[in-house]
Amino acid sequence: MAGSPKFPSTDWAWQISSKPSETAKIIHPSGFVFVSPVKLNRKDRLEGHEDFLYKLTEKDSFLLSYTIDYFRSKSRIKGLSEHEAMILSANLVCSYRFRTPLGTELFTDQNASDDDWRKFGEHLVVVDEKEYEVFVIGHNKGTLIAVTLDKVGDKISNLELLELPRSYFKRNF
């Protein structure tokens, strides 16, 4: 993308809003804007404001870079352009930053062993005896944090954030 600023970097900023019609954006001072379909439901990210703008941190920039690289070189999905990998990665990270994770209620424990999952990448979860692909983007003690890549059944939309025990995930090769 000739003439466009380097993405990701800490020159970019998150723009979020409490307004139900607004979605998360990643903006650059030069005027470039990435508009995500992800809507904020983690009100704590607004730090008491109705609208909030703050710079991407080094951690944000690294996670975006790492995710873009994953989709360019390691993903099961082959042939994504740099632009497509950037869009997919930005949407996943927006969900990770601005959605409240769903709980275990709808998901089936697959009793996965430690060899069945990784702390990053494409995985499968089970809802109503059907497998759905998610992208594991983070972890906490005993859990994995993932984003849905497609609609899951009738109750969960794409780009929804999950935090489930690790045994609920199986790596999708």
N, C-alpha and C. Protein backbone atom coordinates (compact mmCIF):
# COMPACT_ATOMS: atom_id res chain seq x y z
N MET A 1 0.84 -1.18 0.00
CA MET A 1 0.00 0.00 0.00
C MET A 1 0.88 1.23 0.00
N ALA A 2 1.25 1.69 -1.17
CA ALA A 2 2.14 2.83 -1.32
C ALA A 2 1.52 4.07 -0.69
N GLY A 3 2.34 4.80 0.05
CA GLY A 3 1.89 6.04 0.64
C GLY A 3 1.15 5.89 1.95
N SER A 4 0.82 4.69 2.35
CA SER A 4 0.11 4.52 3.61
C SER A 4 1.12 4.38 4.75
N PRO A 5 0.75 4.82 5.95
CA PRO A 5 1.68 4.73 7.08
C PRO A 5 1.90 3.28 7.50
N LYS A 6 3.05 3.01 8.10
CA LYS A 6 3.39 1.67 8.57
C LYS A 6 2.33 1.19 9.57
N PHE A 7 1.84 -0.01 9.34
CA PHE A 7 0.86 -0.61 10.26
C PHE A 7 1.32 -2.00 10.58
N PRO A 8 1.31 -2.39 11.82
CA PRO A 8 0.95 -1.59 12.99
C PRO A 8 2.17 -0.85 13.54
N SER A 9 1.90 0.19 14.27
CA SER A 9 2.93 0.90 15.03
C SER A 9 2.20 1.71 16.10
N THR A 10 2.99 2.25 17.02
CA THR A 10 2.39 3.05 18.09
C THR A 10 1.98 4.44 17.61
N ASP A 11 2.17 4.73 16.32
CA ASP A 11 1.65 5.98 15.75
C ASP A 11 0.13 5.91 15.58
N TRP A 12 -0.40 4.69 15.51
CA TRP A 12 -1.83 4.47 15.34
C TRP A 12 -2.52 4.55 16.70
N ALA A 13 -3.84 4.76 16.69
CA ALA A 13 -4.60 4.85 17.94
C ALA A 13 -5.93 4.10 17.82
N TRP A 14 -6.40 3.62 18.95
CA TRP A 14 -7.74 3.04 19.04
C TRP A 14 -8.72 4.18 19.20
N GLN A 15 -9.86 4.09 18.54
CA GLN A 15 -10.96 5.04 18.75
C GLN A 15 -12.18 4.19 19.09
N ILE A 16 -12.69 4.38 20.30
CA ILE A 16 -13.84 3.58 20.76
C ILE A 16 -14.92 4.50 21.30
N SER A 17 -16.14 3.97 21.36
CA SER A 17 -17.28 4.78 21.79
C SER A 17 -18.28 3.90 22.53
N SER A 18 -19.03 4.53 23.42
CA SER A 18 -20.10 3.82 24.12
C SER A 18 -21.39 3.79 23.31
N LYS A 19 -21.43 4.54 22.21
CA LYS A 19 -22.64 4.60 21.39
C LYS A 19 -22.89 3.24 20.73
N PRO A 20 -24.11 2.70 20.85
CA PRO A 20 -24.40 1.37 20.32
C PRO A 20 -24.18 1.23 18.81
N SER A 21 -24.27 2.32 18.08
CA SER A 21 -24.11 2.24 16.62
C SER A 21 -22.64 2.34 16.19
N GLU A 22 -21.75 2.72 17.10
CA GLU A 22 -20.33 2.91 16.77
C GLU A 22 -19.56 1.61 16.91
N THR A 23 -18.58 1.43 16.03
CA THR A 23 -17.69 0.28 16.11
C THR A 23 -16.27 0.77 16.39
N ALA A 24 -15.41 -0.16 16.78
CA ALA A 24 -14.01 0.18 17.07
C ALA A 24 -13.30 0.59 15.79
N LYS A 25 -12.39 1.53 15.93
CA LYS A 25 -11.60 2.00 14.79
C LYS A 25 -10.13 2.05 15.20
N ILE A 26 -9.28 1.89 14.22
CA ILE A 26 -7.85 2.12 14.42
C ILE A 26 -7.50 3.25 13.46
N ILE A 27 -7.02 4.36 14.02
CA ILE A 27 -6.81 5.56 13.20
C ILE A 27 -5.35 6.00 13.23
N HIS A 28 -4.96 6.72 12.19
CA HIS A 28 -3.61 7.28 12.09
C HIS A 28 -3.74 8.80 11.94
N PRO A 29 -2.82 9.57 12.52
CA PRO A 29 -2.91 11.03 12.42
C PRO A 29 -2.95 11.55 10.97
N SER A 30 -2.44 10.78 10.03
CA SER A 30 -2.43 11.21 8.63
C SER A 30 -3.81 11.09 7.97
N GLY A 31 -4.77 10.48 8.69
CA GLY A 31 -6.12 10.36 8.15
C GLY A 31 -6.53 8.95 7.78
N PHE A 32 -5.61 8.01 7.76
CA PHE A 32 -5.98 6.63 7.48
C PHE A 32 -6.79 6.07 8.64
N VAL A 33 -7.85 5.31 8.31
CA VAL A 33 -8.72 4.74 9.33
C VAL A 33 -9.06 3.31 8.95
N PHE A 34 -8.97 2.42 9.94
CA PHE A 34 -9.49 1.06 9.79
C PHE A 34 -10.74 0.98 10.64
N VAL A 35 -11.87 0.65 10.02
CA VAL A 35 -13.14 0.55 10.73
C VAL A 35 -13.47 -0.93 10.90
N SER A 36 -13.53 -1.37 12.12
CA SER A 36 -13.84 -2.76 12.44
C SER A 36 -15.34 -2.91 12.66
N PRO A 37 -15.91 -4.08 12.39
CA PRO A 37 -17.31 -4.30 12.74
C PRO A 37 -17.52 -4.59 14.22
N VAL A 38 -16.44 -4.68 14.99
CA VAL A 38 -16.52 -5.02 16.42
C VAL A 38 -17.08 -3.84 17.21
N LYS A 39 -18.11 -4.14 18.01
CA LYS A 39 -18.70 -3.12 18.88
C LYS A 39 -18.23 -3.34 20.31
N LEU A 40 -17.87 -2.27 20.94
CA LEU A 40 -17.38 -2.29 22.31
C LEU A 40 -18.47 -2.76 23.27
N ASN A 41 -18.15 -3.72 24.14
CA ASN A 41 -19.04 -3.99 25.27
C ASN A 41 -18.26 -4.06 26.58
N ARG A 42 -16.98 -3.75 26.52
CA ARG A 42 -16.15 -3.63 27.73
C ARG A 42 -16.06 -2.15 28.09
N LYS A 43 -17.04 -1.69 28.82
CA LYS A 43 -17.15 -0.26 29.13
C LYS A 43 -15.95 0.27 29.91
N ASP A 44 -15.24 -0.61 30.64
CA ASP A 44 -14.06 -0.16 31.39
C ASP A 44 -12.98 0.40 30.47
N ARG A 45 -12.98 -0.01 29.21
CA ARG A 45 -11.98 0.48 28.25
C ARG A 45 -12.17 1.97 27.95
N LEU A 46 -13.35 2.50 28.25
CA LEU A 46 -13.64 3.92 28.00
C LEU A 46 -13.09 4.83 29.11
N GLU A 47 -12.69 4.22 30.22
CA GLU A 47 -12.15 4.98 31.35
C GLU A 47 -13.03 6.16 31.74
N GLY A 48 -14.35 5.92 31.76
CA GLY A 48 -15.30 6.94 32.20
C GLY A 48 -15.76 7.92 31.14
N HIS A 49 -15.27 7.80 29.93
CA HIS A 49 -15.65 8.71 28.84
C HIS A 49 -16.71 8.06 27.96
N GLU A 50 -17.44 8.89 27.21
CA GLU A 50 -18.39 8.37 26.23
C GLU A 50 -17.66 7.91 24.97
N ASP A 51 -16.65 8.67 24.58
CA ASP A 51 -15.78 8.34 23.46
C ASP A 51 -14.34 8.43 23.98
N PHE A 52 -13.48 7.57 23.43
CA PHE A 52 -12.11 7.56 23.93
C PHE A 52 -11.14 7.24 22.81
N LEU A 53 -10.01 7.91 22.83
CA LEU A 53 -8.97 7.72 21.84
C LEU A 53 -7.66 7.52 22.59
N TYR A 54 -6.97 6.41 22.30
CA TYR A 54 -5.66 6.22 22.91
C TYR A 54 -4.75 5.42 22.00
N LYS A 55 -3.46 5.72 22.11
CA LYS A 55 -2.47 5.12 21.21
C LYS A 55 -2.36 3.62 21.41
N LEU A 56 -2.07 2.92 20.31
CA LEU A 56 -1.74 1.52 20.41
C LEU A 56 -0.48 1.40 21.26
N THR A 57 -0.47 0.45 22.16
CA THR A 57 0.72 0.22 22.98
C THR A 57 1.70 -0.66 22.19
N GLU A 58 2.89 -0.79 22.71
CA GLU A 58 3.87 -1.72 22.11
C GLU A 58 3.29 -3.13 22.07
N LYS A 59 2.57 -3.51 23.14
CA LYS A 59 1.96 -4.84 23.20
C LYS A 59 0.91 -5.00 22.10
N ASP A 60 0.07 -3.97 21.90
CA ASP A 60 -0.93 -4.01 20.83
C ASP A 60 -0.25 -4.17 19.47
N SER A 61 0.77 -3.37 19.24
CA SER A 61 1.47 -3.39 17.96
C SER A 61 2.12 -4.75 17.72
N PHE A 62 2.74 -5.31 18.77
CA PHE A 62 3.35 -6.63 18.65
C PHE A 62 2.30 -7.69 18.34
N LEU A 63 1.17 -7.67 19.07
CA LEU A 63 0.13 -8.67 18.86
C LEU A 63 -0.43 -8.57 17.44
N LEU A 64 -0.64 -7.37 16.95
CA LEU A 64 -1.10 -7.19 15.57
C LEU A 64 -0.06 -7.73 14.58
N SER A 65 1.20 -7.38 14.78
CA SER A 65 2.27 -7.85 13.88
C SER A 65 2.36 -9.38 13.89
N TYR A 66 2.32 -9.95 15.07
CA TYR A 66 2.45 -11.40 15.23
C TYR A 66 1.27 -12.11 14.56
N THR A 67 0.07 -11.55 14.73
CA THR A 67 -1.13 -12.15 14.13
C THR A 67 -1.10 -12.01 12.61
N ILE A 68 -0.68 -10.86 12.11
CA ILE A 68 -0.54 -10.68 10.65
C ILE A 68 0.44 -11.70 10.10
N ASP A 69 1.59 -11.85 10.76
CA ASP A 69 2.60 -12.82 10.32
C ASP A 69 2.04 -14.23 10.34
N TYR A 70 1.28 -14.55 11.37
CA TYR A 70 0.67 -15.89 11.45
C TYR A 70 -0.20 -16.15 10.22
N PHE A 71 -1.04 -15.21 9.88
CA PHE A 71 -1.95 -15.42 8.74
C PHE A 71 -1.21 -15.37 7.40
N ARG A 72 -0.08 -14.74 7.35
CA ARG A 72 0.71 -14.71 6.11
C ARG A 72 1.54 -15.99 5.94
N SER A 73 1.94 -16.63 7.04
CA SER A 73 2.91 -17.72 6.89
C SER A 73 2.55 -19.05 7.55
N LYS A 74 1.72 -19.06 8.58
CA LYS A 74 1.49 -20.29 9.34
C LYS A 74 0.06 -20.81 9.29
N SER A 75 -0.84 -20.01 8.86
CA SER A 75 -2.27 -20.33 8.89
C SER A 75 -2.63 -21.47 7.95
N ARG A 76 -3.70 -22.16 8.29
CA ARG A 76 -4.28 -23.16 7.38
C ARG A 76 -4.84 -22.47 6.15
N ILE A 77 -5.25 -21.21 6.32
CA ILE A 77 -5.78 -20.42 5.22
C ILE A 77 -4.60 -19.92 4.41
N LYS A 78 -4.42 -20.43 3.22
CA LYS A 78 -3.26 -20.06 2.40
C LYS A 78 -3.63 -18.97 1.41
N GLY A 79 -2.64 -18.16 1.07
CA GLY A 79 -2.83 -17.19 0.00
C GLY A 79 -3.43 -15.86 0.41
N LEU A 80 -3.53 -15.58 1.71
CA LEU A 80 -4.04 -14.26 2.10
C LEU A 80 -3.02 -13.20 1.72
N SER A 81 -3.48 -12.13 1.16
CA SER A 81 -2.59 -11.00 0.86
C SER A 81 -2.22 -10.31 2.17
N GLU A 82 -1.23 -9.47 2.12
CA GLU A 82 -0.84 -8.70 3.30
C GLU A 82 -2.03 -7.86 3.79
N HIS A 83 -2.75 -7.26 2.86
CA HIS A 83 -3.91 -6.44 3.20
C HIS A 83 -4.99 -7.28 3.89
N GLU A 84 -5.30 -8.45 3.36
CA GLU A 84 -6.31 -9.33 3.97
C GLU A 84 -5.88 -9.80 5.35
N ALA A 85 -4.60 -10.13 5.51
CA ALA A 85 -4.08 -10.55 6.81
C ALA A 85 -4.17 -9.40 7.82
N MET A 86 -3.92 -8.17 7.37
CA MET A 86 -4.03 -7.01 8.25
C MET A 86 -5.46 -6.80 8.71
N ILE A 87 -6.41 -6.91 7.80
CA ILE A 87 -7.82 -6.72 8.15
C ILE A 87 -8.29 -7.78 9.13
N LEU A 88 -7.99 -9.04 8.84
CA LEU A 88 -8.39 -10.13 9.72
C LEU A 88 -7.76 -9.96 11.10
N SER A 89 -6.48 -9.67 11.14
CA SER A 89 -5.77 -9.50 12.41
C SER A 89 -6.32 -8.32 13.21
N ALA A 90 -6.57 -7.20 12.54
CA ALA A 90 -7.10 -6.02 13.23
C ALA A 90 -8.47 -6.32 13.85
N ASN A 91 -9.32 -7.06 13.12
CA ASN A 91 -10.63 -7.42 13.68
C ASN A 91 -10.49 -8.34 14.89
N LEU A 92 -9.59 -9.31 14.82
CA LEU A 92 -9.38 -10.23 15.94
C LEU A 92 -8.88 -9.48 17.17
N VAL A 93 -7.92 -8.58 16.97
CA VAL A 93 -7.37 -7.83 18.10
C VAL A 93 -8.40 -6.84 18.65
N CYS A 94 -9.22 -6.24 17.80
CA CYS A 94 -10.30 -5.37 18.29
C CYS A 94 -11.24 -6.16 19.20
N SER A 95 -11.60 -7.35 18.79
CA SER A 95 -12.47 -8.19 19.64
C SER A 95 -11.77 -8.50 20.96
N TYR A 96 -10.51 -8.87 20.88
CA TYR A 96 -9.73 -9.19 22.08
C TYR A 96 -9.68 -8.01 23.04
N ARG A 97 -9.54 -6.81 22.51
CA ARG A 97 -9.40 -5.63 23.36
C ARG A 97 -10.74 -5.07 23.87
N PHE A 98 -11.82 -5.24 23.08
CA PHE A 98 -13.03 -4.48 23.38
C PHE A 98 -14.30 -5.28 23.61
N ARG A 99 -14.22 -6.61 23.59
CA ARG A 99 -15.38 -7.44 23.88
C ARG A 99 -15.19 -8.13 25.23
N THR A 100 -16.28 -8.35 25.93
CA THR A 100 -16.27 -9.13 27.17
C THR A 100 -16.39 -10.60 26.78
N PRO A 101 -15.53 -11.46 27.31
CA PRO A 101 -15.59 -12.86 26.89
C PRO A 101 -16.85 -13.58 27.37
N LEU A 102 -17.34 -14.47 26.51
CA LEU A 102 -18.44 -15.34 26.88
C LEU A 102 -17.94 -16.42 27.83
N GLY A 103 -18.85 -16.99 28.59
CA GLY A 103 -18.50 -18.07 29.51
C GLY A 103 -18.69 -19.44 28.87
N THR A 104 -18.66 -20.46 29.68
CA THR A 104 -18.67 -21.85 29.21
C THR A 104 -20.06 -22.38 28.89
N GLU A 105 -21.12 -21.66 29.21
CA GLU A 105 -22.48 -22.18 29.17
C GLU A 105 -22.84 -22.93 27.89
N LEU A 106 -22.49 -22.42 26.74
CA LEU A 106 -22.91 -23.01 25.47
C LEU A 106 -21.92 -24.04 24.91
N PHE A 107 -20.75 -24.14 25.52
CA PHE A 107 -19.66 -24.93 24.93
C PHE A 107 -19.51 -26.29 25.60
N THR A 108 -18.97 -27.23 24.84
CA THR A 108 -18.76 -28.59 25.34
C THR A 108 -17.28 -28.76 25.68
N ASP A 109 -17.01 -29.29 26.86
CA ASP A 109 -15.64 -29.60 27.25
C ASP A 109 -15.18 -30.80 26.43
N GLN A 110 -14.13 -30.61 25.62
CA GLN A 110 -13.62 -31.69 24.77
C GLN A 110 -12.59 -32.55 25.51
N ASN A 111 -12.34 -32.22 26.78
CA ASN A 111 -11.35 -32.94 27.58
C ASN A 111 -10.01 -33.04 26.85
N ALA A 112 -9.63 -31.95 26.20
CA ALA A 112 -8.39 -31.91 25.44
C ALA A 112 -7.19 -31.98 26.38
N SER A 113 -6.18 -32.70 25.95
CA SER A 113 -4.94 -32.78 26.72
C SER A 113 -4.06 -31.59 26.34
N ASP A 114 -2.96 -31.43 27.07
CA ASP A 114 -2.04 -30.32 26.79
C ASP A 114 -1.47 -30.39 25.38
N ASP A 115 -1.41 -31.58 24.78
CA ASP A 115 -0.89 -31.73 23.42
C ASP A 115 -1.91 -31.32 22.36
N ASP A 116 -3.16 -31.13 22.76
CA ASP A 116 -4.24 -30.84 21.80
C ASP A 116 -4.42 -29.36 21.49
N TRP A 117 -3.85 -28.47 22.30
CA TRP A 117 -4.05 -27.04 22.09
C TRP A 117 -2.72 -26.29 22.14
N ARG A 118 -2.73 -25.08 21.61
CA ARG A 118 -1.59 -24.17 21.67
C ARG A 118 -2.09 -22.83 22.19
N LYS A 119 -1.17 -21.98 22.58
CA LYS A 119 -1.53 -20.68 23.14
C LYS A 119 -1.83 -19.64 22.06
N PHE A 120 -1.78 -20.06 20.79
CA PHE A 120 -2.03 -19.11 19.70
C PHE A 120 -2.38 -19.91 18.45
N GLY A 121 -3.35 -19.44 17.70
CA GLY A 121 -3.65 -20.06 16.41
C GLY A 121 -5.06 -20.63 16.30
N GLU A 122 -5.28 -21.33 15.20
CA GLU A 122 -6.60 -21.86 14.86
C GLU A 122 -6.93 -23.10 15.69
N HIS A 123 -8.13 -23.09 16.26
CA HIS A 123 -8.60 -24.18 17.11
C HIS A 123 -10.07 -24.45 16.80
N LEU A 124 -10.55 -25.57 17.34
CA LEU A 124 -11.96 -25.91 17.24
C LEU A 124 -12.57 -25.94 18.63
N VAL A 125 -13.81 -25.45 18.73
CA VAL A 125 -14.62 -25.60 19.93
C VAL A 125 -15.90 -26.31 19.51
N VAL A 126 -16.62 -26.86 20.47
CA VAL A 126 -17.83 -27.61 20.17
C VAL A 126 -19.03 -26.95 20.85
N VAL A 127 -20.09 -26.75 20.06
CA VAL A 127 -21.38 -26.26 20.54
C VAL A 127 -22.45 -27.14 19.92
N ASP A 128 -23.32 -27.69 20.74
CA ASP A 128 -24.40 -28.57 20.25
C ASP A 128 -23.86 -29.66 19.32
N GLU A 129 -22.77 -30.29 19.75
CA GLU A 129 -22.15 -31.42 19.04
C GLU A 129 -21.59 -31.06 17.67
N LYS A 130 -21.42 -29.78 17.39
CA LYS A 130 -20.86 -29.35 16.11
C LYS A 130 -19.59 -28.54 16.38
N GLU A 131 -18.55 -28.77 15.55
CA GLU A 131 -17.29 -28.06 15.70
C GLU A 131 -17.34 -26.71 14.99
N TYR A 132 -16.71 -25.71 15.64
CA TYR A 132 -16.62 -24.37 15.07
C TYR A 132 -15.18 -23.89 15.22
N GLU A 133 -14.71 -23.18 14.20
CA GLU A 133 -13.34 -22.68 14.25
C GLU A 133 -13.27 -21.34 14.97
N VAL A 134 -12.28 -21.24 15.83
CA VAL A 134 -11.99 -20.01 16.55
C VAL A 134 -10.49 -19.75 16.44
N PHE A 135 -10.10 -18.53 16.76
CA PHE A 135 -8.68 -18.18 16.76
C PHE A 135 -8.25 -17.85 18.18
N VAL A 136 -7.36 -18.67 18.74
CA VAL A 136 -6.83 -18.40 20.07
C VAL A 136 -5.80 -17.29 19.95
N ILE A 137 -6.07 -16.21 20.71
CA ILE A 137 -5.25 -15.01 20.60
C ILE A 137 -4.54 -14.66 21.90
N GLY A 138 -4.90 -15.37 22.98
CA GLY A 138 -4.28 -15.09 24.27
C GLY A 138 -4.59 -16.19 25.26
N HIS A 139 -4.05 -16.03 26.46
CA HIS A 139 -4.27 -17.03 27.50
C HIS A 139 -4.14 -16.40 28.88
N ASN A 140 -4.78 -17.02 29.82
CA ASN A 140 -4.63 -16.72 31.25
C ASN A 140 -4.36 -18.05 31.93
N LYS A 141 -4.16 -18.02 33.20
CA LYS A 141 -3.89 -19.27 33.92
C LYS A 141 -5.07 -20.23 33.77
N GLY A 142 -4.84 -21.32 33.09
CA GLY A 142 -5.86 -22.36 32.94
C GLY A 142 -6.88 -22.12 31.84
N THR A 143 -6.83 -20.96 31.18
CA THR A 143 -7.81 -20.68 30.13
C THR A 143 -7.12 -20.23 28.85
N LEU A 144 -7.86 -20.32 27.75
CA LEU A 144 -7.43 -19.74 26.48
C LEU A 144 -8.45 -18.69 26.09
N ILE A 145 -7.99 -17.65 25.43
CA ILE A 145 -8.87 -16.57 24.98
C ILE A 145 -8.89 -16.64 23.46
N ALA A 146 -10.10 -16.72 22.91
CA ALA A 146 -10.24 -16.91 21.46
C ALA A 146 -11.32 -16.00 20.91
N VAL A 147 -11.28 -15.84 19.59
CA VAL A 147 -12.28 -15.05 18.88
C VAL A 147 -12.94 -15.96 17.86
N THR A 148 -14.27 -15.89 17.78
CA THR A 148 -14.98 -16.71 16.80
C THR A 148 -14.69 -16.17 15.40
N LEU A 149 -14.46 -17.08 14.46
CA LEU A 149 -14.18 -16.69 13.08
C LEU A 149 -15.43 -16.66 12.23
N ASP A 150 -16.45 -17.37 12.66
CA ASP A 150 -17.74 -17.40 11.98
C ASP A 150 -18.84 -17.40 13.03
N LYS A 151 -20.05 -17.33 12.59
CA LYS A 151 -21.19 -17.45 13.48
C LYS A 151 -21.17 -18.85 14.09
N VAL A 152 -21.44 -18.96 15.38
CA VAL A 152 -21.46 -20.24 16.08
C VAL A 152 -22.90 -20.55 16.45
N GLY A 153 -23.49 -21.50 15.71
CA GLY A 153 -24.89 -21.83 15.96
C GLY A 153 -25.77 -20.61 15.74
N ASP A 154 -26.85 -20.56 16.50
CA ASP A 154 -27.79 -19.44 16.38
C ASP A 154 -27.57 -18.36 17.43
N LYS A 155 -26.64 -18.60 18.36
CA LYS A 155 -26.55 -17.71 19.51
C LYS A 155 -25.29 -16.86 19.58
N ILE A 156 -24.27 -17.20 18.78
CA ILE A 156 -22.99 -16.49 18.90
C ILE A 156 -22.57 -15.98 17.53
N SER A 157 -22.29 -14.68 17.45
CA SER A 157 -21.89 -14.09 16.17
C SER A 157 -20.39 -14.26 15.95
N ASN A 158 -19.95 -13.93 14.73
CA ASN A 158 -18.51 -13.94 14.48
C ASN A 158 -17.89 -12.76 15.21
N LEU A 159 -16.59 -12.87 15.45
CA LEU A 159 -15.80 -11.87 16.16
C LEU A 159 -16.25 -11.69 17.61
N GLU A 160 -16.80 -12.75 18.19
CA GLU A 160 -17.17 -12.73 19.61
C GLU A 160 -15.99 -13.29 20.40
N LEU A 161 -15.75 -12.77 21.58
CA LEU A 161 -14.63 -13.19 22.40
C LEU A 161 -15.05 -14.31 23.36
N LEU A 162 -14.19 -15.32 23.47
CA LEU A 162 -14.42 -16.45 24.38
C LEU A 162 -13.25 -16.55 25.35
N GLU A 163 -13.52 -16.93 26.56
CA GLU A 163 -12.47 -17.35 27.49
C GLU A 163 -12.97 -18.61 28.16
N LEU A 164 -12.32 -19.72 27.80
CA LEU A 164 -12.76 -21.04 28.25
C LEU A 164 -11.57 -21.82 28.80
N PRO A 165 -11.85 -22.81 29.66
CA PRO A 165 -10.75 -23.68 30.10
C PRO A 165 -10.06 -24.30 28.88
N ARG A 166 -8.78 -24.55 29.01
CA ARG A 166 -7.97 -25.06 27.90
C ARG A 166 -8.50 -26.38 27.35
N SER A 167 -9.14 -27.18 28.17
CA SER A 167 -9.64 -28.48 27.72
C SER A 167 -10.80 -28.36 26.72
N TYR A 168 -11.34 -27.17 26.54
CA TYR A 168 -12.44 -26.95 25.60
C TYR A 168 -11.94 -26.79 24.16
N PHE A 169 -10.62 -26.64 23.97
CA PHE A 169 -10.04 -26.33 22.66
C PHE A 169 -9.23 -27.48 22.11
N LYS A 170 -9.36 -27.70 20.81
CA LYS A 170 -8.47 -28.62 20.10
C LYS A 170 -7.91 -27.87 18.90
N ARG A 171 -6.60 -27.98 18.75
CA ARG A 171 -5.93 -27.28 17.65
C ARG A 171 -6.45 -27.79 16.32
N ASN A 172 -6.64 -26.88 15.39
CA ASN A 172 -7.12 -27.20 14.05
C ASN A 172 -5.94 -27.08 13.10
N PHE A 173 -5.46 -28.22 12.61
CA PHE A 173 -4.27 -28.23 11.74
C PHE A 173 -4.65 -28.03 10.30
